[in-house]
C-alpha atoms as a PDB file:
ATOM      1  CA  MET A   1      40.939 159.400  37.826  1.00  0.00           C
ATOM      2  CA  THR A   2      37.161 160.310  37.390  1.00  0.00           C
ATOM      3  CA  ARG A   3      35.487 163.573  37.872  1.00  0.00           C
ATOM      4  CA  ARG A   4      32.860 161.974  40.045  1.00  0.00           C
ATOM      5  CA  ARG A   5      35.701 160.804  42.271  1.00  0.00           C
ATOM      6  CA  ARG A   6      37.775 163.537  42.253  1.00  0.00           C
ATOM      7  CA  ALA A   7      34.681 166.204  43.449  1.00  0.00           C
ATOM      8  CA  PRO A   8      34.507 165.028  47.540  1.00  0.00           C
ATOM      9  CA  TRP A   9      38.671 165.950  47.354  1.00  0.00           C
ATOM     10  CA  GLY A  10      37.548 169.573  45.579  1.00  0.00           C
ATOM     11  CA  ALA A  11      34.699 169.926  48.069  1.00  0.00           C
ATOM     12  CA  ALA A  12      36.807 169.453  51.026  1.00  0.00           C
ATOM     13  CA  LEU A  13      39.554 171.541  49.740  1.00  0.00           C
ATOM     14  CA  GLU A  14      37.535 174.371  48.834  1.00  0.00           C
ATOM     15  CA  MET A  15      35.621 173.557  52.131  1.00  0.00           C
ATOM     16  CA  ALA A  16      39.243 173.794  54.320  1.00  0.00           C
ATOM     17  CA  CYS A  17      40.315 177.208  52.524  1.00  0.00           C
ATOM     18  CA  VAL A  18      37.329 178.989  53.481  1.00  0.00           C
ATOM     19  CA  ALA A  19      37.443 177.320  57.208  1.00  0.00           C
ATOM     20  CA  LEU A  20      41.033 178.596  57.064  1.00  0.00           C
ATOM     21  CA  ARG A  21      40.417 182.023  55.673  1.00  0.00           C
ATOM     22  CA  THR A  22      43.397 181.624  52.819  1.00  0.00           C
ATOM     23  CA  GLY A  23      41.946 183.494  49.903  1.00  0.00           C
ATOM     24  CA  ASP A  24      44.575 184.799  47.788  1.00  0.00           C
ATOM     25  CA  CYS A  25      47.499 182.516  49.901  1.00  0.00           C
ATOM     26  CA  ALA A  26      50.677 181.030  48.061  1.00  0.00           C
ATOM     27  CA  ASP A  27      49.747 177.594  46.296  1.00  0.00           C
ATOM     28  CA  ASP A  28      52.445 175.989  48.589  1.00  0.00           C
ATOM     29  CA  VAL A  29      49.437 176.332  51.051  1.00  0.00           C
ATOM     30  CA  LYS A  30      46.739 175.063  48.854  1.00  0.00           C
ATOM     31  CA  GLN A  31      48.976 171.834  48.122  1.00  0.00           C
ATOM     32  CA  VAL A  32      49.822 171.019  51.802  1.00  0.00           C
ATOM     33  CA  ILE A  33      46.206 171.265  52.436  1.00  0.00           C
ATOM     34  CA  ALA A  34      45.113 168.690  48.919  1.00  0.00           C
ATOM     35  CA  ASN A  35      47.665 166.236  49.715  1.00  0.00           C
ATOM     36  CA  LYS A  36      46.425 165.559  53.636  1.00  0.00           C
ATOM     37  CA  ILE A  37      43.101 165.285  51.939  1.00  0.00           C
ATOM     38  CA  ILE A  38      44.725 162.624  49.180  1.00  0.00           C
ATOM     39  CA  ALA A  39      46.033 160.919  51.695  1.00  0.00           C
ATOM     40  CA  LEU A  40      43.063 160.692  53.940  1.00  0.00           C
ATOM     41  CA  ALA A  41      41.071 159.584  50.863  1.00  0.00           C
ATOM     42  CA  LYS A  42      42.983 157.095  49.819  1.00  0.00           C
ATOM     43  CA  ALA A  43      42.819 155.415  53.472  1.00  0.00           C
ATOM     44  CA  GLY A  44      38.893 155.559  52.343  1.00  0.00           C
ATOM     45  CA  GLU A  45      37.662 158.448  53.263  1.00  0.00           C
ATOM     46  CA  ARG A  46      35.529 159.770  50.887  1.00  0.00           C
ATOM     47  CA  ASN A  47      33.071 162.164  52.759  1.00  0.00           C
ATOM     48  CA  PRO A  48      33.808 166.043  51.819  1.00  0.00           C
ATOM     49  CA  ASP A  49      32.295 166.767  55.977  1.00  0.00           C
ATOM     50  CA  ALA A  50      34.407 164.292  57.591  1.00  0.00           C
ATOM     51  CA  LEU A  51      37.689 164.947  54.828  1.00  0.00           C
ATOM     52  CA  CYS A  52      37.693 168.527  55.636  1.00  0.00           C
ATOM     53  CA  GLU A  53      37.388 168.445  59.452  1.00  0.00           C
ATOM     54  CA  GLN A  54      39.634 165.868  59.444  1.00  0.00           C
ATOM     55  CA  VAL A  55      42.396 167.989  57.950  1.00  0.00           C
ATOM     56  CA  LEU A  56      41.504 171.241  59.779  1.00  0.00           C
ATOM     57  CA  LYS A  57      41.995 168.595  63.044  1.00  0.00           C
ATOM     58  CA  ASP A  58      45.263 168.146  62.010  1.00  0.00           C
ATOM     59  CA  ILE A  59      46.825 171.109  60.854  1.00  0.00           C
ATOM     60  CA  ARG A  60      45.006 172.856  64.296  1.00  0.00           C
ATOM     61  CA  THR A  61      47.072 170.107  66.353  1.00  0.00           C
ATOM     62  CA  GLU A  62      50.538 170.265  64.216  1.00  0.00           C
ATOM     63  CA  PRO A  63      52.983 171.582  66.565  1.00  0.00           C
ATOM     64  CA  SER A  64      53.801 175.570  65.270  1.00  0.00           C
ATOM     65  CA  THR A  65      57.512 176.141  63.722  1.00  0.00           C
ATOM     66  CA  GLU A  66      57.026 179.775  64.888  1.00  0.00           C
ATOM     67  CA  VAL A  67      59.845 180.559  67.325  1.00  0.00           C
ATOM     68  CA  SER A  68      58.280 181.759  70.533  1.00  0.00           C
ATOM     69  CA  ARG A  69      59.499 184.960  72.122  1.00  0.00           C
ATOM     70  CA  GLU A  70      60.724 182.807  74.562  1.00  0.00           C
ATOM     71  CA  THR A  71      63.298 181.231  72.096  1.00  0.00           C
ATOM     72  CA  LEU A  72      64.474 184.323  71.351  1.00  0.00           C
ATOM     73  CA  HIS A  73      64.684 186.111  74.537  1.00  0.00           C
ATOM     74  CA  PRO A  74      65.228 183.427  77.466  1.00  0.00           C
ATOM     75  CA  PRO A  75      64.250 185.008  80.894  1.00  0.00           C
ATOM     76  CA  SER A  76      67.912 184.621  81.564  1.00  0.00           C
ATOM     77  CA  LEU A  77      68.690 186.834  79.189  1.00  0.00           C
ATOM     78  CA  GLN A  78      66.563 189.426  79.527  1.00  0.00           C
ATOM     79  CA  PRO A  79      68.043 192.969  81.619  1.00  0.00           C
ATOM     80  CA  SER A  80      66.140 192.922  85.125  1.00  0.00           C
ATOM     81  CA  MET A  81      63.658 195.458  85.944  1.00  0.00           C
END
């Protein structure tokens, strides 16, 4: 792939990382972001702003994998006050 074609992907990755404040996070986090950008680019999107915005939208709307407090401590198991 030529440098010209990769430039929008790199710009989109940089913008997304700044927006998400990834800083010095693990490379696997940046790889997930890059994979999303690559998938969008393969689908035809070439505008780095649009790539970034779509990735941010996707990440922000994905269900969280965090365990909620209610899952760990259901109200029925919590001591009554």
